[in-house]
Protein backbone atom coordinates (compact mmCIF):
# COMPACT_ATOMS: atom_id res chain seq x y z
CA MET A 1 -9.65 -16.08 14.32
CA THR A 2 -10.06 -18.45 11.38
CA HIS A 3 -8.42 -17.88 8.04
CA ASP A 4 -11.80 -17.15 6.41
CA GLU A 5 -12.53 -14.54 9.09
CA LYS A 6 -9.15 -12.91 8.37
CA LEU A 7 -9.94 -12.82 4.63
CA ASN A 8 -13.33 -11.26 5.37
CA TRP A 9 -11.79 -8.65 7.69
CA MET A 10 -9.19 -7.76 5.04
CA ALA A 11 -11.85 -7.42 2.33
CA ILE A 12 -13.88 -5.06 4.53
CA TRP A 13 -10.77 -3.08 5.51
CA ALA A 14 -9.78 -2.75 1.84
CA ALA A 15 -13.25 -1.51 0.87
CA LYS A 16 -13.23 1.05 3.69
CA ASN A 17 -9.83 2.30 2.58
CA GLY A 18 -10.61 2.47 -1.14
CA VAL A 19 -8.16 -0.23 -2.20
CA ALA A 20 -8.46 -3.72 -3.64
CA LEU A 21 -7.34 -6.82 -1.81
CA GLU A 22 -4.93 -8.64 -4.14
CA LEU A 23 -4.44 -12.33 -3.33
CA GLN A 24 -3.00 -13.35 -6.72
CA GLY A 25 -0.55 -10.50 -7.29
CA GLU A 26 2.97 -10.13 -8.56
CA CYS A 27 5.67 -7.63 -7.68
CA GLY A 28 9.20 -7.07 -8.84
CA PHE A 29 10.00 -9.41 -11.72
CA GLY A 30 7.06 -11.79 -11.46
CA ARG A 31 7.40 -12.61 -7.75
CA GLU A 32 4.11 -13.99 -6.39
CA CYS A 33 2.66 -11.87 -3.62
CA VAL A 34 -0.46 -10.80 -1.74
CA GLY A 35 -1.21 -7.21 -0.81
CA ILE A 36 -3.45 -4.24 -1.41
CA ILE A 37 -3.51 -2.16 -4.59
CA LYS A 38 -4.84 1.13 -5.88
CA HIS A 39 -4.25 2.41 -9.41
CA ASP A 40 -2.51 -0.94 -10.07
CA VAL A 41 0.25 -0.22 -7.53
CA TYR A 42 0.97 -1.45 -4.04
CA PRO A 43 0.93 1.49 -1.58
CA ASP A 44 4.30 2.69 -0.35
CA PHE A 45 5.09 2.97 3.32
CA GLU A 46 7.99 4.46 5.23
CA ARG A 47 9.80 2.20 7.65
CA TYR A 48 10.60 5.25 9.78
CA ASP A 49 8.33 8.29 10.06
CA GLU A 50 10.38 11.32 11.13
CA LYS A 51 7.30 13.47 11.75
CA TYR A 52 5.92 11.04 14.33
CA ASN A 53 9.30 9.56 15.38
CA ASP A 54 7.69 6.20 14.71
CA VAL A 55 8.79 2.91 13.20
CA CYS A 56 6.43 1.16 10.80
CA TRP A 57 6.25 -2.58 11.39
CA ALA A 58 6.45 -4.96 8.44
CA PRO A 59 6.01 -8.76 8.42
CA PRO A 60 8.95 -11.13 7.80
CA ASP A 61 8.07 -11.81 4.15
CA ALA A 62 7.30 -8.19 3.15
CA TYR A 63 8.60 -7.41 -0.33
CA HIS A 64 12.16 -6.27 0.32
CA LYS A 65 13.27 -4.44 -2.84
CA HIS A 66 10.78 -1.60 -2.34
CA ASP A 67 8.85 -0.55 0.76
CA CYS A 68 5.32 -1.32 -0.40
CA VAL A 69 2.41 -3.21 1.14
CA ALA A 70 3.03 -6.60 -0.47
CA VAL A 71 3.92 -9.92 1.16
CA LEU A 72 5.88 -12.43 -0.90
CA GLY A 73 4.16 -15.75 -1.54
CA ARG A 74 0.58 -16.86 -1.81
CA GLY A 75 -1.81 -18.88 0.26
CA GLU A 76 -2.64 -19.01 3.93
CA ALA A 77 0.83 -18.17 5.32
CA ALA A 78 1.29 -15.05 3.16
CA GLU A 79 -2.34 -14.01 3.65
CA GLY A 80 -1.92 -14.40 7.43
CA GLN A 81 1.07 -12.05 7.35
CA LEU A 82 -0.90 -9.56 5.26
CA TYR A 83 -3.75 -9.72 7.78
CA ASP A 84 -1.33 -9.03 10.65
CA TRP A 85 0.12 -6.08 8.72
CA LEU A 86 -3.22 -4.51 7.80
CA LYS A 87 -4.41 -5.01 11.37
CA TRP A 88 -1.24 -3.25 12.59
CA PHE A 89 -1.87 -0.34 10.18
CA ASP A 90 -5.48 -0.14 11.38
CA ASP A 91 -4.58 -0.31 15.09
CA ASN A 92 -1.91 2.38 14.65
CA GLY A 93 -4.03 4.92 12.77
CA TYR A 94 -2.71 4.48 9.23
CA VAL A 95 -4.87 5.05 6.17
CA VAL A 96 -4.28 4.96 2.41
CA GLU A 97 -3.53 8.29 0.76
CA ALA A 98 -3.89 8.42 -3.01
CA LYS A 99 -3.28 11.46 -5.18
CA ARG A 100 -2.09 12.37 -8.62
CA LYS A 101 1.28 14.09 -8.80
CA GLU A 102 1.58 17.35 -10.71
CA CYS A 103 5.17 16.59 -11.72
CA ARG A 104 7.96 14.11 -10.96
CA ASP A 105 9.74 14.27 -7.60
CA ASP A 106 12.70 15.95 -9.34
CA GLY A 107 10.41 18.69 -10.74
CA ARG A 108 10.41 17.47 -14.35
CA ALA A 109 7.24 16.81 -16.32
CA PHE A 110 6.00 13.25 -16.69
CA ASP A 111 6.76 11.41 -19.91
CA ALA A 112 4.87 8.51 -21.53
CA ILE A 113 6.90 5.87 -19.66
CA ASP A 114 6.05 7.52 -16.33
CA PHE A 115 2.35 7.27 -17.14
CA ILE A 116 2.63 3.65 -18.27
CA LEU A 117 4.43 2.77 -15.02
CA GLY A 118 1.93 4.74 -12.93
CA ALA A 119 4.55 7.18 -11.63
CA HIS A 120 2.01 10.02 -11.84
CA ASN A 121 0.06 8.37 -9.02
CA SER A 122 1.14 8.54 -5.41
CA VAL A 123 -0.35 5.84 -3.20
CA LYS A 124 1.01 5.41 0.30
CA MET A 125 0.20 4.53 3.88
CA VAL A 126 0.12 7.57 6.18
CA LYS A 127 -1.03 8.34 9.69
CA LYS A 128 -4.45 10.00 9.72
CA GLY A 129 -3.08 13.36 10.90
CA GLN A 130 -0.45 13.35 8.15
CA ILE A 131 -2.78 13.28 5.11
CA SER A 132 -2.14 16.02 2.57
CA LEU A 133 -5.16 16.94 0.47
CA GLN A 134 -3.17 19.41 -1.64
CA ASN A 135 -3.41 18.59 -5.36
CA THR A 136 -5.73 15.67 -4.65
CA PRO A 137 -8.58 15.38 -7.15
CA THR A 138 -11.83 14.10 -5.76
CA SER A 139 -12.13 11.55 -8.57
CA LEU A 140 -9.42 9.25 -7.20
């Protein structure tokens, strides 16, 4: 598959999953990356899913300070790793789940900083059978 075909496949996959393909992104403290975004955040993923006793694969240059769908670098090499990752998610039944949180994980109300940082949004990769529609507004 050519690089242009991979870019096209990723763009279609992103549209189907309600996310944007980000080929000029940054994560951490200004580290160049490629990935997918929704609500200006890269979706989280869990390296190990206890419910399905399953390990989530990640490419060699996946952002390492936080488990999110972002590959460090830009250009064909990073984009190729992102393609492999999205293809893996697709082949293994993962989809993007996005919902607004009612409160912080510790039960406290959100403050202004939480909203600025997008902490009131939860965006993550989940297996299709694991999606929780509780507290999920239809306007996401």
